[in-house]
Structures are given as structure tokens and as C-alpha cells.
C-alpha atoms as a PDB file:
ATOM      1  CA  MET A   1      57.510  40.794 -81.613  1.00  0.00           C
ATOM      2  CA  ALA A   2      58.175  37.194 -79.866  1.00  0.00           C
ATOM      3  CA  ARG A   3      55.517  35.484 -77.714  1.00  0.00           C
ATOM      4  CA  ARG A   4      56.579  35.748 -74.099  1.00  0.00           C
ATOM      5  CA  SER A   5      54.548  34.216 -71.163  1.00  0.00           C
ATOM      6  CA  VAL A   6      53.210  37.204 -68.992  1.00  0.00           C
ATOM      7  CA  SER A   7      51.897  37.271 -65.582  1.00  0.00           C
ATOM      8  CA  VAL A   8      48.267  38.494 -65.053  1.00  0.00           C
ATOM      9  CA  ARG A   9      46.056  38.748 -61.521  1.00  0.00           C
ATOM     10  CA  ILE A  10      41.962  38.180 -61.986  1.00  0.00           C
ATOM     11  CA  ARG A  11      39.996  37.539 -59.186  1.00  0.00           C
ATOM     12  CA  GLY A  12      43.012  36.617 -56.790  1.00  0.00           C
ATOM     13  CA  HIS A  13      44.479  34.180 -59.195  1.00  0.00           C
ATOM     14  CA  GLU A  14      47.893  34.814 -61.215  1.00  0.00           C
ATOM     15  CA  PHE A  15      47.609  33.582 -64.732  1.00  0.00           C
ATOM     16  CA  ARG A  16      50.424  33.414 -66.710  1.00  0.00           C
ATOM     17  CA  VAL A  17      49.346  33.960 -70.670  1.00  0.00           C
ATOM     18  CA  ARG A  18      51.841  33.275 -73.507  1.00  0.00           C
ATOM     19  CA  SER A  19      51.001  36.373 -75.770  1.00  0.00           C
ATOM     20  CA  ASP A  20      52.412  38.379 -78.224  1.00  0.00           C
ATOM     21  CA  ASP A  21      51.003  41.689 -77.338  1.00  0.00           C
ATOM     22  CA  ASP A  22      52.734  44.284 -75.085  1.00  0.00           C
ATOM     23  CA  GLU A  23      52.552  43.519 -71.243  1.00  0.00           C
ATOM     24  CA  ALA A  24      50.811  47.092 -70.369  1.00  0.00           C
ATOM     25  CA  ALA A  25      47.497  46.265 -72.656  1.00  0.00           C
ATOM     26  CA  LEU A  26      47.062  42.726 -71.617  1.00  0.00           C
ATOM     27  CA  GLN A  27      47.271  44.278 -67.908  1.00  0.00           C
ATOM     28  CA  ARG A  28      44.709  46.248 -68.601  1.00  0.00           C
ATOM     29  CA  VAL A  29      42.532  43.731 -70.806  1.00  0.00           C
ATOM     30  CA  ALA A  30      43.063  41.737 -67.514  1.00  0.00           C
ATOM     31  CA  GLY A  31      42.283  44.710 -65.060  1.00  0.00           C
ATOM     32  CA  TYR A  32      39.136  45.248 -67.223  1.00  0.00           C
ATOM     33  CA  LEU A  33      37.912  42.013 -66.954  1.00  0.00           C
ATOM     34  CA  ASP A  34      38.726  41.687 -62.741  1.00  0.00           C
ATOM     35  CA  GLU A  35      36.540  44.851 -62.410  1.00  0.00           C
ATOM     36  CA  THR A  36      33.623  43.132 -65.122  1.00  0.00           C
ATOM     37  CA  MET A  37      34.133  40.506 -62.743  1.00  0.00           C
ATOM     38  CA  SER A  38      33.149  42.155 -59.575  1.00  0.00           C
ATOM     39  CA  LYS A  39      30.757  44.196 -60.954  1.00  0.00           C
ATOM     40  CA  VAL A  40      28.345  40.969 -61.839  1.00  0.00           C
ATOM     41  CA  GLU A  41      29.335  39.208 -58.257  1.00  0.00           C
ATOM     42  CA  GLU A  42      28.210  42.334 -56.675  1.00  0.00           C
ATOM     43  CA  LYS A  43      24.988  42.914 -58.576  1.00  0.00           C
ATOM     44  CA  THR A  44      23.749  39.197 -58.553  1.00  0.00           C
ATOM     45  CA  GLY A  45      24.959  38.162 -54.840  1.00  0.00           C
ATOM     46  CA  THR A  46      26.615  35.191 -56.891  1.00  0.00           C
ATOM     47  CA  VAL A  47      29.861  33.342 -55.349  1.00  0.00           C
ATOM     48  CA  ASP A  48      30.459  30.608 -57.413  1.00  0.00           C
ATOM     49  CA  SER A  49      33.180  31.324 -59.479  1.00  0.00           C
ATOM     50  CA  LEU A  50      32.140  29.821 -62.818  1.00  0.00           C
ATOM     51  CA  SER A  51      28.658  31.207 -62.601  1.00  0.00           C
ATOM     52  CA  VAL A  52      30.444  34.665 -62.240  1.00  0.00           C
ATOM     53  CA  ALA A  53      32.902  33.741 -65.292  1.00  0.00           C
ATOM     54  CA  MET A  54      29.585  32.755 -67.397  1.00  0.00           C
ATOM     55  CA  LEU A  55      28.027  35.694 -66.821  1.00  0.00           C
ATOM     56  CA  THR A  56      30.459  38.218 -67.426  1.00  0.00           C
ATOM     57  CA  ALA A  57      31.329  36.403 -70.398  1.00  0.00           C
ATOM     58  CA  LEU A  58      27.806  37.279 -71.492  1.00  0.00           C
ATOM     59  CA  ASN A  59      28.121  40.713 -70.521  1.00  0.00           C
ATOM     60  CA  LEU A  60      31.633  41.310 -72.608  1.00  0.00           C
ATOM     61  CA  ALA A  61      29.891  39.623 -75.728  1.00  0.00           C
ATOM     62  CA  ARG A  62      26.918  41.787 -75.661  1.00  0.00           C
ATOM     63  CA  GLU A  63      29.630  44.613 -75.483  1.00  0.00           C
ATOM     64  CA  VAL A  64      31.207  42.822 -78.569  1.00  0.00           C
ATOM     65  CA  ALA A  65      28.309  42.571 -80.434  1.00  0.00           C
ATOM     66  CA  GLU A  66      26.938  46.162 -80.079  1.00  0.00           C
ATOM     67  CA  LEU A  67      30.463  47.718 -80.814  1.00  0.00           C
ATOM     68  CA  ARG A  68      31.150  45.681 -83.658  1.00  0.00           C
ATOM     69  CA  GLN A  69      26.929  46.198 -84.539  1.00  0.00           C
ATOM     70  CA  GLY A  70      27.429  49.745 -84.503  1.00  0.00           C
ATOM     71  CA  GLN A  71      30.988  50.115 -86.311  1.00  0.00           C
ATOM     72  CA  GLN A  72      30.575  47.453 -89.204  1.00  0.00           C
ATOM     73  CA  GLY A  73      26.223  46.512 -89.001  1.00  0.00           C
ATOM     74  CA  LEU A  74      27.068  43.118 -87.696  1.00  0.00           C
ATOM     75  CA  GLY A  75      26.736  41.335 -84.366  1.00  0.00           C
ATOM     76  CA  GLY A  76      24.113  39.855 -82.830  1.00  0.00           C
ATOM     77  CA  ASP A  77      20.984  41.143 -81.315  1.00  0.00           C
ATOM     78  CA  PRO A  78      21.735  43.596 -78.727  1.00  0.00           C
ATOM     79  CA  LYS A  79      18.059  42.994 -77.291  1.00  0.00           C
ATOM     80  CA  ARG A  80      18.236  39.372 -77.700  1.00  0.00           C
ATOM     81  CA  LEU A  81      21.609  39.131 -75.553  1.00  0.00           C
ATOM     82  CA  ARG A  82      20.563  41.645 -72.914  1.00  0.00           C
ATOM     83  CA  SER A  83      17.548  39.211 -72.485  1.00  0.00           C
ATOM     84  CA  LEU A  84      19.849  36.373 -72.077  1.00  0.00           C
ATOM     85  CA  ILE A  85      21.974  37.914 -69.514  1.00  0.00           C
ATOM     86  CA  ASP A  86      18.834  39.286 -67.384  1.00  0.00           C
ATOM     87  CA  LEU A  87      17.208  35.640 -67.435  1.00  0.00           C
ATOM     88  CA  ALA A  88      20.775  34.049 -66.553  1.00  0.00           C
ATOM     89  CA  GLU A  89      21.314  36.564 -63.618  1.00  0.00           C
ATOM     90  CA  SER A  90      17.680  36.106 -62.690  1.00  0.00           C
ATOM     91  CA  ALA A  91      18.356  32.596 -61.960  1.00  0.00           C
ATOM     92  CA  LEU A  92      21.240  32.761 -59.805  1.00  0.00           C
ATOM     93  CA  GLU A  93      19.788  36.229 -57.833  1.00  0.00           C
ATOM     94  CA  VAL A  94      19.744  34.891 -54.154  1.00  0.00           C
ATOM     95  CA  ARG A  95      16.654  34.601 -52.472  1.00  0.00           C
ATOM     96  CA  THR A  96      15.592  34.691 -48.970  1.00  0.00           C
ATOM     97  CA  PRO A  97      13.961  32.361 -47.437  1.00  0.00           C
ATOM     98  CA  GLN A  98      10.153  33.713 -46.368  1.00  0.00           C
ATOM     99  CA  VAL A  99       9.830  32.610 -42.568  1.00  0.00           C
END
């Protein structure tokens, strides 16, 4: 299959991706990423794009590690990844000032 440019939309921004994967598969992946980023943003109250992207990357890396560990006995320690995600999320929590 020849590499071609595919347009995907993530968090309201259009990205052109050169890929030899089929367009429908790439759109599904972009949709999953967009949905996961939205959940992270809602859960943490974080609106900074970089922070949301990094927390999303941590969550998705945990999912990949769990899949690898379950399928191949490989991957990182899911508990360690979860604790890192929790730590990062707690550092970004929006706190209401006390009066």
C-alpha cells in the first residue's frame, strides 16, 4: 500500500498524517485519542494542551503495557504506571482557593 496523506481531527485541530495504514483505521485511532484526551481533561480539570497530552500519553502507555504483559509477559509494571499517572494528575488538579 502506498503512503498517502490522511487528515484527522484531534481536540479541534486538523493534522495531516502520512501513513500506509487504511484511512478508516487511522480515523478510529485518532477518535480514540481525542476521546481519551477529553476524558483526561474532564477528570483533571486541566486545560493546558501539553499537560493533557502528557497525561493522555501516560494513560495510553499504561494500557499498552498491560496489553503487552497480558499477551506476551512483557511491559512495565502497571501498578507503577498507575501511581505515576495518579501523581501527575494530582499535581495538575485545580484547587479552589480557601477564603
